[in-house]
Amino acid sequence: MTTTTDQNQQIQKLRELIADIDAGMLTTVDDDGSLHSCPMLKNSDIDSDGVLWFFIYGSSHKATEISHNQQVNVSFVSPDRQRYISVSGTAQIVKDRNKMQEKWQPELQTWFPQGIDEPDIALLKVNINKADYWDSHSSYKPQTINLSSKTRV
């Protein structure tokens, strides 16, 4: 079992890996078992407890997929830095107005013109279980960050 210090170091490493990447591809599982991916703007850093947050419409097909199967993957790519990150975890839809205010960024106005007052706006909370990454420093051998032993709230 990893210690809290180890987990904090692993979260920090993952933050560093995706710091300069603005968007990731979110992959979900549809009811028929097929995989669907779409780009999502990363609107903040990874929380100290290993959570990624995205804004989403609560009644979207993506939200429905997540309500039926919480397993997700978010991939981040920085080809100019030869960095590739695959984050797996579980997702849930959160409709907490205070959390939305905390996470809101002006760049999101393009997709949500009314801001957090947009009808049906919600947050997508991705609890990170594991991240595999490849970069020029690792000679393209995958490195793994494992956060699955953390207690989730």
C-alpha atoms as a PDB file:
ATOM      1  CA  MET A   1       0.000   0.000   0.000  1.00  0.00           C
ATOM      2  CA  THR A   2       1.303   3.439  -0.853  1.00  0.00           C
ATOM      3  CA  THR A   3       1.682   6.113   1.788  1.00  0.00           C
ATOM      4  CA  THR A   4       0.056   9.524   1.640  1.00  0.00           C
ATOM      5  CA  THR A   5       3.454  11.039   0.814  1.00  0.00           C
ATOM      6  CA  ASP A   6       3.906   8.599  -2.084  1.00  0.00           C
ATOM      7  CA  GLN A   7       0.405   9.387  -3.348  1.00  0.00           C
ATOM      8  CA  ASN A   8       1.066  13.123  -3.134  1.00  0.00           C
ATOM      9  CA  GLN A   9       4.284  12.659  -5.121  1.00  0.00           C
ATOM     10  CA  GLN A  10       2.466  10.586  -7.735  1.00  0.00           C
ATOM     11  CA  ILE A  11      -0.303  13.186  -8.059  1.00  0.00           C
ATOM     12  CA  GLN A  12       2.338  15.903  -8.399  1.00  0.00           C
ATOM     13  CA  LYS A  13       4.111  13.921 -11.145  1.00  0.00           C
ATOM     14  CA  LEU A  14       0.822  13.548 -13.031  1.00  0.00           C
ATOM     15  CA  ARG A  15       0.138  17.290 -12.623  1.00  0.00           C
ATOM     16  CA  GLU A  16       3.528  18.039 -14.154  1.00  0.00           C
ATOM     17  CA  LEU A  17       2.889  15.670 -17.065  1.00  0.00           C
ATOM     18  CA  ILE A  18      -0.398  17.322 -18.089  1.00  0.00           C
ATOM     19  CA  ALA A  19       0.302  20.894 -16.932  1.00  0.00           C
ATOM     20  CA  ASP A  20       0.856  22.298 -20.418  1.00  0.00           C
ATOM     21  CA  ILE A  21      -1.907  20.281 -22.106  1.00  0.00           C
ATOM     22  CA  ASP A  22      -5.237  22.118 -22.336  1.00  0.00           C
ATOM     23  CA  ALA A  23      -7.547  19.316 -23.455  1.00  0.00           C
ATOM     24  CA  GLY A  24      -7.874  15.575 -23.195  1.00  0.00           C
ATOM     25  CA  MET A  25      -9.886  12.951 -25.017  1.00  0.00           C
ATOM     26  CA  LEU A  26     -12.528  11.471 -22.699  1.00  0.00           C
ATOM     27  CA  THR A  27     -13.493   7.897 -23.569  1.00  0.00           C
ATOM     28  CA  THR A  28     -16.680   6.366 -22.186  1.00  0.00           C
ATOM     29  CA  VAL A  29     -18.527   3.093 -22.752  1.00  0.00           C
ATOM     30  CA  ASP A  30     -21.956   3.121 -24.430  1.00  0.00           C
ATOM     31  CA  ASP A  31     -24.741   0.666 -23.531  1.00  0.00           C
ATOM     32  CA  ASP A  32     -23.783  -1.609 -26.441  1.00  0.00           C
ATOM     33  CA  GLY A  33     -20.184  -1.800 -25.162  1.00  0.00           C
ATOM     34  CA  SER A  34     -18.738   0.467 -27.844  1.00  0.00           C
ATOM     35  CA  LEU A  35     -16.207   3.130 -26.890  1.00  0.00           C
ATOM     36  CA  HIS A  36     -16.883   6.827 -27.548  1.00  0.00           C
ATOM     37  CA  SER A  37     -14.325   9.608 -27.255  1.00  0.00           C
ATOM     38  CA  CYS A  38     -14.672  13.354 -27.302  1.00  0.00           C
ATOM     39  CA  PRO A  39     -12.370  16.280 -26.487  1.00  0.00           C
ATOM     40  CA  MET A  40     -12.774  17.903 -23.097  1.00  0.00           C
ATOM     41  CA  LEU A  41     -11.177  21.149 -21.945  1.00  0.00           C
ATOM     42  CA  LYS A  42      -9.151  20.561 -18.796  1.00  0.00           C
ATOM     43  CA  ASN A  43     -10.411  23.389 -16.655  1.00  0.00           C
ATOM     44  CA  SER A  44      -8.147  23.050 -13.637  1.00  0.00           C
ATOM     45  CA  ASP A  45      -5.310  21.164 -12.080  1.00  0.00           C
ATOM     46  CA  ILE A  46      -5.678  17.707 -10.579  1.00  0.00           C
ATOM     47  CA  ASP A  47      -7.055  18.015  -7.040  1.00  0.00           C
ATOM     48  CA  SER A  48      -4.914  16.922  -4.101  1.00  0.00           C
ATOM     49  CA  ASP A  49      -7.015  13.766  -3.822  1.00  0.00           C
ATOM     50  CA  GLY A  50      -6.428  12.787  -7.463  1.00  0.00           C
ATOM     51  CA  VAL A  51      -9.539  14.141  -9.187  1.00  0.00           C
ATOM     52  CA  LEU A  52      -9.880  15.683 -12.643  1.00  0.00           C
ATOM     53  CA  TRP A  53     -12.846  18.010 -13.270  1.00  0.00           C
ATOM     54  CA  PHE A  54     -14.606  18.875 -16.533  1.00  0.00           C
ATOM     55  CA  PHE A  55     -17.793  20.789 -17.328  1.00  0.00           C
ATOM     56  CA  ILE A  56     -20.524  18.888 -19.154  1.00  0.00           C
ATOM     57  CA  TYR A  57     -24.240  19.108 -19.916  1.00  0.00           C
ATOM     58  CA  GLY A  58     -26.046  16.891 -17.405  1.00  0.00           C
ATOM     59  CA  SER A  59     -28.487  15.447 -19.929  1.00  0.00           C
ATOM     60  CA  SER A  60     -25.922  14.852 -22.689  1.00  0.00           C
ATOM     61  CA  HIS A  61     -25.338  11.413 -24.174  1.00  0.00           C
ATOM     62  CA  LYS A  62     -21.874  11.450 -22.543  1.00  0.00           C
ATOM     63  CA  ALA A  63     -23.500  11.954 -19.120  1.00  0.00           C
ATOM     64  CA  THR A  64     -25.942   9.105 -19.818  1.00  0.00           C
ATOM     65  CA  GLU A  65     -23.054   6.803 -20.752  1.00  0.00           C
ATOM     66  CA  ILE A  66     -21.319   7.669 -17.484  1.00  0.00           C
ATOM     67  CA  SER A  67     -24.474   7.025 -15.452  1.00  0.00           C
ATOM     68  CA  HIS A  68     -24.596   3.507 -16.954  1.00  0.00           C
ATOM     69  CA  ASN A  69     -20.868   2.733 -16.797  1.00  0.00           C
ATOM     70  CA  GLN A  70     -18.563   4.839 -14.651  1.00  0.00           C
ATOM     71  CA  GLN A  71     -15.320   3.475 -16.141  1.00  0.00           C
ATOM     72  CA  VAL A  72     -13.606   6.187 -18.188  1.00  0.00           C
ATOM     73  CA  ASN A  73     -10.274   7.025 -19.729  1.00  0.00           C
ATOM     74  CA  VAL A  74      -8.830  10.451 -20.442  1.00  0.00           C
ATOM     75  CA  SER A  75      -5.839  10.644 -22.751  1.00  0.00           C
ATOM     76  CA  PHE A  76      -3.530  13.638 -23.023  1.00  0.00           C
ATOM     77  CA  VAL A  77      -0.953  14.162 -25.760  1.00  0.00           C
ATOM     78  CA  SER A  78       1.898  16.616 -26.173  1.00  0.00           C
ATOM     79  CA  PRO A  79       3.597  15.471 -29.390  1.00  0.00           C
ATOM     80  CA  ASP A  80       6.093  18.347 -29.429  1.00  0.00           C
ATOM     81  CA  ARG A  81       7.355  17.157 -26.028  1.00  0.00           C
ATOM     82  CA  GLN A  82       6.952  13.488 -26.948  1.00  0.00           C
ATOM     83  CA  ARG A  83       4.623  12.956 -23.987  1.00  0.00           C
ATOM     84  CA  TYR A  84       1.581  10.640 -23.946  1.00  0.00           C
ATOM     85  CA  ILE A  85      -0.619  10.080 -20.883  1.00  0.00           C
ATOM     86  CA  SER A  86      -3.516   7.670 -20.422  1.00  0.00           C
ATOM     87  CA  VAL A  87      -5.578   8.213 -17.255  1.00  0.00           C
ATOM     88  CA  SER A  88      -8.139   5.618 -16.175  1.00  0.00           C
ATOM     89  CA  GLY A  89     -10.675   6.031 -13.427  1.00  0.00           C
ATOM     90  CA  THR A  90     -14.310   6.273 -12.487  1.00  0.00           C
ATOM     91  CA  ALA A  91     -16.568   9.215 -13.246  1.00  0.00           C
ATOM     92  CA  GLN A  92     -19.705  10.747 -11.842  1.00  0.00           C
ATOM     93  CA  ILE A  93     -21.891  13.735 -12.645  1.00  0.00           C
ATOM     94  CA  VAL A  94     -21.879  16.446  -9.954  1.00  0.00           C
ATOM     95  CA  LYS A  95     -24.371  19.334  -9.820  1.00  0.00           C
ATOM     96  CA  ASP A  96     -22.851  21.320  -6.955  1.00  0.00           C
ATOM     97  CA  ARG A  97     -23.132  25.069  -7.711  1.00  0.00           C
ATOM     98  CA  ASN A  98     -20.369  25.996  -5.255  1.00  0.00           C
ATOM     99  CA  LYS A  99     -17.980  23.526  -6.891  1.00  0.00           C
ATOM    100  CA  MET A 100     -18.950  24.892 -10.320  1.00  0.00           C
ATOM    101  CA  GLN A 101     -18.120  28.433  -9.207  1.00  0.00           C
ATOM    102  CA  GLU A 102     -14.802  27.209  -7.852  1.00  0.00           C
ATOM    103  CA  LYS A 103     -13.900  25.397 -11.107  1.00  0.00           C
ATOM    104  CA  TRP A 104     -15.310  27.864 -13.653  1.00  0.00           C
ATOM    105  CA  GLN A 105     -12.905  29.446 -16.155  1.00  0.00           C
ATOM    106  CA  PRO A 106     -13.749  32.141 -18.736  1.00  0.00           C
ATOM    107  CA  GLU A 107     -12.561  29.904 -21.618  1.00  0.00           C
ATOM    108  CA  LEU A 108     -15.576  27.670 -20.968  1.00  0.00           C
ATOM    109  CA  GLN A 109     -17.935  30.453 -22.093  1.00  0.00           C
ATOM    110  CA  THR A 110     -17.568  29.156 -25.670  1.00  0.00           C
ATOM    111  CA  TRP A 111     -19.401  25.932 -24.765  1.00  0.00           C
ATOM    112  CA  PHE A 112     -21.540  27.314 -21.939  1.00  0.00           C
ATOM    113  CA  PRO A 113     -22.595  30.849 -23.020  1.00  0.00           C
ATOM    114  CA  GLN A 114     -24.540  31.530 -19.808  1.00  0.00           C
ATOM    115  CA  GLY A 115     -21.678  30.408 -17.568  1.00  0.00           C
ATOM    116  CA  ILE A 116     -22.683  28.432 -14.511  1.00  0.00           C
ATOM    117  CA  ASP A 117     -26.231  29.710 -15.022  1.00  0.00           C
ATOM    118  CA  GLU A 118     -26.401  27.624 -18.208  1.00  0.00           C
ATOM    119  CA  PRO A 119     -29.403  25.284 -17.974  1.00  0.00           C
ATOM    120  CA  ASP A 120     -28.373  21.668 -17.395  1.00  0.00           C
ATOM    121  CA  ILE A 121     -24.704  22.473 -16.678  1.00  0.00           C
ATOM    122  CA  ALA A 122     -22.894  19.959 -14.494  1.00  0.00           C
ATOM    123  CA  LEU A 123     -19.427  18.856 -13.543  1.00  0.00           C
ATOM    124  CA  LEU A 124     -17.823  15.603 -14.514  1.00  0.00           C
ATOM    125  CA  LYS A 125     -15.696  14.302 -11.667  1.00  0.00           C
ATOM    126  CA  VAL A 126     -13.057  11.763 -12.695  1.00  0.00           C
ATOM    127  CA  ASN A 127     -11.507   9.885  -9.778  1.00  0.00           C
ATOM    128  CA  ILE A 128      -8.118   8.807 -11.084  1.00  0.00           C
ATOM    129  CA  ASN A 129      -7.204   5.190 -10.397  1.00  0.00           C
ATOM    130  CA  LYS A 130      -4.170   4.826 -12.604  1.00  0.00           C
ATOM    131  CA  ALA A 131      -2.160   6.706 -15.201  1.00  0.00           C
ATOM    132  CA  ASP A 132       0.277   5.264 -17.719  1.00  0.00           C
ATOM    133  CA  TYR A 133       2.627   7.622 -19.466  1.00  0.00           C
ATOM    134  CA  TRP A 134       5.323   7.608 -22.075  1.00  0.00           C
ATOM    135  CA  ASP A 135       7.762  10.440 -22.582  1.00  0.00           C
ATOM    136  CA  SER A 136      11.124  11.083 -24.138  1.00  0.00           C
ATOM    137  CA  HIS A 137      12.785  10.589 -20.725  1.00  0.00           C
ATOM    138  CA  SER A 138      11.439   7.055 -20.312  1.00  0.00           C
ATOM    139  CA  SER A 139      12.617   5.801 -23.718  1.00  0.00           C
ATOM    140  CA  TYR A 140       8.980   5.039 -24.507  1.00  0.00           C
ATOM    141  CA  LYS A 141       8.753   2.353 -21.863  1.00  0.00           C
ATOM    142  CA  PRO A 142       5.466   2.935 -20.075  1.00  0.00           C
ATOM    143  CA  GLN A 143       5.637   4.322 -16.558  1.00  0.00           C
ATOM    144  CA  THR A 144       2.676   3.879 -14.198  1.00  0.00           C
ATOM    145  CA  ILE A 145       1.168   6.073 -11.504  1.00  0.00           C
ATOM    146  CA  ASN A 146      -1.216   4.055  -9.349  1.00  0.00           C
ATOM    147  CA  LEU A 147      -3.721   5.899  -7.177  1.00  0.00           C
ATOM    148  CA  SER A 148      -6.315   3.139  -6.831  1.00  0.00           C
ATOM    149  CA  SER A 149      -5.479   2.422  -3.178  1.00  0.00           C
ATOM    150  CA  LYS A 150      -6.714   5.881  -2.148  1.00  0.00           C
ATOM    151  CA  THR A 151      -9.856   6.257  -0.105  1.00  0.00           C
ATOM    152  CA  ARG A 152     -12.554   8.023  -2.149  1.00  0.00           C
ATOM    153  CA  VAL A 153     -15.091  10.395  -0.713  1.00  0.00           C
END
